[in-house]
Structure formats: structure tokens, C-alpha cells
Amino acid sequence: MHTLITGTFQAEQQAVQAVRKLVKSCVPMDLMRTILPGTRRRLAAHEAEGGHPPREPGSIMVAVKAPEYVSQCLVVKILRDHGAHEIECLDAERRAMPRLQIPISVRNHHAPASIRP
């Protein structure tokens, strides 16, 4: 089970220091996302994982997927130590679940009757 942990920063320097500390603490970069004001693509990806946009305009959000309880506690501590407010933990399993696939017939309806299976 993955948990999406988000923290909102008022200053860019705080967010940069938090991300650096997370990287030094062995949190993989592919599990982190920094959402700056005006970055629609990252915001759309973040919302697809169950997150929400920053509530305050101009704020910087750092989002981390943490798979284990220990890493969740580490991420919350680092975000808090570097000045994040509105730290939230959300269930990120929504996108991890496989999608239902409906089989589609490949039968060619336009082929002549002599070629049809």
C-alpha cells in the first residue's frame, strides 16, 4: 500500500532543502514530485494519484509516495523540519490497481464470407 504525503511550502528555498534532504535520506526521485505554481502537467499527474492542488496560490507543494510506514514517518518528519505546513497523507492505491480490460473481438466483419472463420 502506498501513501501519498504532501507538504506545502511558502518559500522555494524551503522546498528545495526538503527535497535535497529527502534525496540524501534515500527516497527515490521517481517517488517525488514538486508542484510549482503554473505547472499544469505535474499538477494533473498529482491529481490523477488522488492528490489535490495547493490551496494557497503561489505555494509550492512537495508530494512523495511512501510505500512503508517507516518511510512515511521519515517523509513527514523531513517535511515538517523544513517548514512545510498542511502536511497530508492520502491513500495512493487508486492508480496502482490494474484497470479492468474488456476483450474485443478481432473478427473482421468486412471480409468476404468465404474468408471469415
C-alpha atoms as a PDB file:
ATOM      1  CA  MET A   1       0.000   0.000   0.000  1.00  0.00           C
ATOM      2  CA  HIS A   2       1.349   3.392  -0.996  1.00  0.00           C
ATOM      3  CA  THR A   3       0.588   6.588   0.830  1.00  0.00           C
ATOM      4  CA  LEU A   4       0.875   9.953  -0.892  1.00  0.00           C
ATOM      5  CA  ILE A   5       2.306  12.508   1.527  1.00  0.00           C
ATOM      6  CA  THR A   6       2.098  16.178   0.576  1.00  0.00           C
ATOM      7  CA  GLY A   7       3.532  19.247   2.235  1.00  0.00           C
ATOM      8  CA  THR A   8       3.040  22.879   1.209  1.00  0.00           C
ATOM      9  CA  PHE A   9       5.854  25.433   1.407  1.00  0.00           C
ATOM     10  CA  GLN A  10       5.663  29.216   1.203  1.00  0.00           C
ATOM     11  CA  ALA A  11       9.305  29.704   0.158  1.00  0.00           C
ATOM     12  CA  GLU A  12      11.088  27.993  -2.698  1.00  0.00           C
ATOM     13  CA  GLN A  13      14.285  27.595  -0.677  1.00  0.00           C
ATOM     14  CA  GLN A  14      12.441  25.592   1.993  1.00  0.00           C
ATOM     15  CA  ALA A  15      11.054  23.212  -0.631  1.00  0.00           C
ATOM     16  CA  VAL A  16      14.485  22.809  -2.270  1.00  0.00           C
ATOM     17  CA  GLN A  17      16.119  21.998   1.069  1.00  0.00           C
ATOM     18  CA  ALA A  18      13.381  19.469   1.892  1.00  0.00           C
ATOM     19  CA  VAL A  19      13.768  17.706  -1.469  1.00  0.00           C
ATOM     20  CA  ARG A  20      17.566  17.593  -1.032  1.00  0.00           C
ATOM     21  CA  LYS A  21      17.171  16.082   2.421  1.00  0.00           C
ATOM     22  CA  LEU A  22      14.702  13.502   1.092  1.00  0.00           C
ATOM     23  CA  VAL A  23      17.172  12.504  -1.633  1.00  0.00           C
ATOM     24  CA  LYS A  24      20.010  12.249   0.915  1.00  0.00           C
ATOM     25  CA  SER A  25      17.705  10.069   3.035  1.00  0.00           C
ATOM     26  CA  CYS A  26      17.455   7.569   0.147  1.00  0.00           C
ATOM     27  CA  VAL A  27      13.947   8.451  -1.019  1.00  0.00           C
ATOM     28  CA  PRO A  28      13.922   7.608  -4.769  1.00  0.00           C
ATOM     29  CA  MET A  29      13.425  10.573  -7.107  1.00  0.00           C
ATOM     30  CA  ASP A  30      10.752   8.709  -9.067  1.00  0.00           C
ATOM     31  CA  LEU A  31       8.553   8.718  -5.946  1.00  0.00           C
ATOM     32  CA  MET A  32       8.828  12.512  -5.502  1.00  0.00           C
ATOM     33  CA  ARG A  33       7.093  15.339  -7.312  1.00  0.00           C
ATOM     34  CA  THR A  34       7.439  19.089  -6.809  1.00  0.00           C
ATOM     35  CA  ILE A  35       4.447  21.111  -7.930  1.00  0.00           C
ATOM     36  CA  LEU A  36       5.159  24.766  -8.608  1.00  0.00           C
ATOM     37  CA  PRO A  37       2.576  27.425  -9.449  1.00  0.00           C
ATOM     38  CA  GLY A  38       1.691  27.188 -13.132  1.00  0.00           C
ATOM     39  CA  THR A  39       2.913  23.622 -13.797  1.00  0.00           C
ATOM     40  CA  ARG A  40      -0.222  22.042 -15.179  1.00  0.00           C
ATOM     41  CA  ARG A  41       1.275  18.727 -16.317  1.00  0.00           C
ATOM     42  CA  ARG A  42       2.689  17.873 -12.892  1.00  0.00           C
ATOM     43  CA  LEU A  43      -0.499  19.032 -11.213  1.00  0.00           C
ATOM     44  CA  ALA A  44      -2.580  16.802 -13.492  1.00  0.00           C
ATOM     45  CA  ALA A  45      -0.357  13.806 -12.685  1.00  0.00           C
ATOM     46  CA  HIS A  46      -0.595  14.598  -8.978  1.00  0.00           C
ATOM     47  CA  GLU A  47      -4.393  14.826  -9.115  1.00  0.00           C
ATOM     48  CA  ALA A  48      -4.528  11.516 -11.008  1.00  0.00           C
ATOM     49  CA  GLU A  49      -2.872   9.873  -7.995  1.00  0.00           C
ATOM     50  CA  GLY A  50      -5.564  11.207  -5.681  1.00  0.00           C
ATOM     51  CA  GLY A  51      -3.909  14.467  -4.601  1.00  0.00           C
ATOM     52  CA  HIS A  52      -5.328  17.965  -4.793  1.00  0.00           C
ATOM     53  CA  PRO A  53      -3.857  21.290  -5.926  1.00  0.00           C
ATOM     54  CA  PRO A  54      -2.201  23.627  -3.409  1.00  0.00           C
ATOM     55  CA  ARG A  55      -4.852  25.618  -1.550  1.00  0.00           C
ATOM     56  CA  GLU A  56      -2.815  28.817  -1.423  1.00  0.00           C
ATOM     57  CA  PRO A  57      -1.861  30.448  -4.720  1.00  0.00           C
ATOM     58  CA  GLY A  58       1.887  30.760  -5.182  1.00  0.00           C
ATOM     59  CA  SER A  59       2.729  27.987  -2.733  1.00  0.00           C
ATOM     60  CA  ILE A  60       4.993  25.075  -3.622  1.00  0.00           C
ATOM     61  CA  MET A  61       3.865  21.526  -2.947  1.00  0.00           C
ATOM     62  CA  VAL A  62       6.163  18.559  -2.475  1.00  0.00           C
ATOM     63  CA  ALA A  63       4.463  15.178  -2.907  1.00  0.00           C
ATOM     64  CA  VAL A  64       6.085  11.856  -2.054  1.00  0.00           C
ATOM     65  CA  LYS A  65       4.781   8.303  -2.494  1.00  0.00           C
ATOM     66  CA  ALA A  66       5.881   6.337   0.549  1.00  0.00           C
ATOM     67  CA  PRO A  67       5.332   2.568   0.441  1.00  0.00           C
ATOM     68  CA  GLU A  68       6.195   1.675   4.041  1.00  0.00           C
ATOM     69  CA  TYR A  69       5.314   3.049   7.457  1.00  0.00           C
ATOM     70  CA  VAL A  70       8.950   3.862   8.292  1.00  0.00           C
ATOM     71  CA  SER A  71       9.434   5.861   5.099  1.00  0.00           C
ATOM     72  CA  GLN A  72       6.110   7.632   5.697  1.00  0.00           C
ATOM     73  CA  CYS A  73       7.311   8.766   9.140  1.00  0.00           C
ATOM     74  CA  LEU A  74      10.645   9.870   7.668  1.00  0.00           C
ATOM     75  CA  VAL A  75       8.986  11.921   4.917  1.00  0.00           C
ATOM     76  CA  VAL A  76       6.589  13.634   7.367  1.00  0.00           C
ATOM     77  CA  LYS A  77       9.481  14.462   9.706  1.00  0.00           C
ATOM     78  CA  ILE A  78      11.648  15.928   6.918  1.00  0.00           C
ATOM     79  CA  LEU A  79       8.778  17.999   5.504  1.00  0.00           C
ATOM     80  CA  ARG A  80       7.899  19.302   8.958  1.00  0.00           C
ATOM     81  CA  ASP A  81      11.549  20.068   9.838  1.00  0.00           C
ATOM     82  CA  HIS A  82      11.932  22.181   6.702  1.00  0.00           C
ATOM     83  CA  GLY A  83       8.856  24.330   7.282  1.00  0.00           C
ATOM     84  CA  ALA A  84       6.046  22.580   5.431  1.00  0.00           C
ATOM     85  CA  HIS A  85       2.512  23.262   6.558  1.00  0.00           C
ATOM     86  CA  GLU A  86      -0.686  21.455   5.615  1.00  0.00           C
ATOM     87  CA  ILE A  87       1.027  18.067   5.605  1.00  0.00           C
ATOM     88  CA  GLU A  88      -1.453  15.457   4.413  1.00  0.00           C
ATOM     89  CA  CYS A  89      -1.350  11.701   3.962  1.00  0.00           C
ATOM     90  CA  LEU A  90      -3.595  10.263   1.250  1.00  0.00           C
ATOM     91  CA  ASP A  91      -4.164   6.729   0.005  1.00  0.00           C
ATOM     92  CA  ALA A  92      -2.391   6.454  -3.363  1.00  0.00           C
ATOM     93  CA  GLU A  93      -3.608   2.965  -4.270  1.00  0.00           C
ATOM     94  CA  ARG A  94      -6.197   4.268  -6.711  1.00  0.00           C
ATOM     95  CA  ARG A  95      -3.777   4.385  -9.642  1.00  0.00           C
ATOM     96  CA  ALA A  96      -1.805   1.310  -8.576  1.00  0.00           C
ATOM     97  CA  MET A  97      -4.759  -1.029  -9.077  1.00  0.00           C
ATOM     98  CA  PRO A  98      -4.939  -2.702 -12.505  1.00  0.00           C
ATOM     99  CA  ARG A  99      -7.646  -1.452 -14.794  1.00  0.00           C
ATOM    100  CA  LEU A 100     -10.391  -3.754 -15.977  1.00  0.00           C
ATOM    101  CA  GLN A 101      -9.728  -4.804 -19.554  1.00  0.00           C
ATOM    102  CA  ILE A 102     -12.607  -5.773 -21.794  1.00  0.00           C
ATOM    103  CA  PRO A 103     -11.724  -8.264 -24.542  1.00  0.00           C
ATOM    104  CA  ILE A 104     -12.549  -7.008 -28.008  1.00  0.00           C
ATOM    105  CA  SER A 105     -13.334  -9.384 -30.834  1.00  0.00           C
ATOM    106  CA  VAL A 106     -10.874  -9.169 -33.714  1.00  0.00           C
ATOM    107  CA  ARG A 107     -13.268 -10.759 -36.123  1.00  0.00           C
ATOM    108  CA  ASN A 108     -13.316  -8.915 -39.429  1.00  0.00           C
ATOM    109  CA  HIS A 109     -16.920  -8.182 -40.358  1.00  0.00           C
ATOM    110  CA  HIS A 110     -15.989  -6.696 -43.724  1.00  0.00           C
ATOM    111  CA  ALA A 111     -14.193  -9.756 -45.099  1.00  0.00           C
ATOM    112  CA  PRO A 112     -15.978 -11.904 -47.674  1.00  0.00           C
ATOM    113  CA  ALA A 113     -17.958 -14.831 -46.243  1.00  0.00           C
ATOM    114  CA  SER A 114     -15.525 -17.363 -47.743  1.00  0.00           C
ATOM    115  CA  ILE A 115     -12.603 -15.924 -45.720  1.00  0.00           C
ATOM    116  CA  ARG A 116     -14.436 -15.465 -42.388  1.00  0.00           C
ATOM    117  CA  PRO A 117     -13.537 -18.000 -39.679  1.00  0.00           C
END
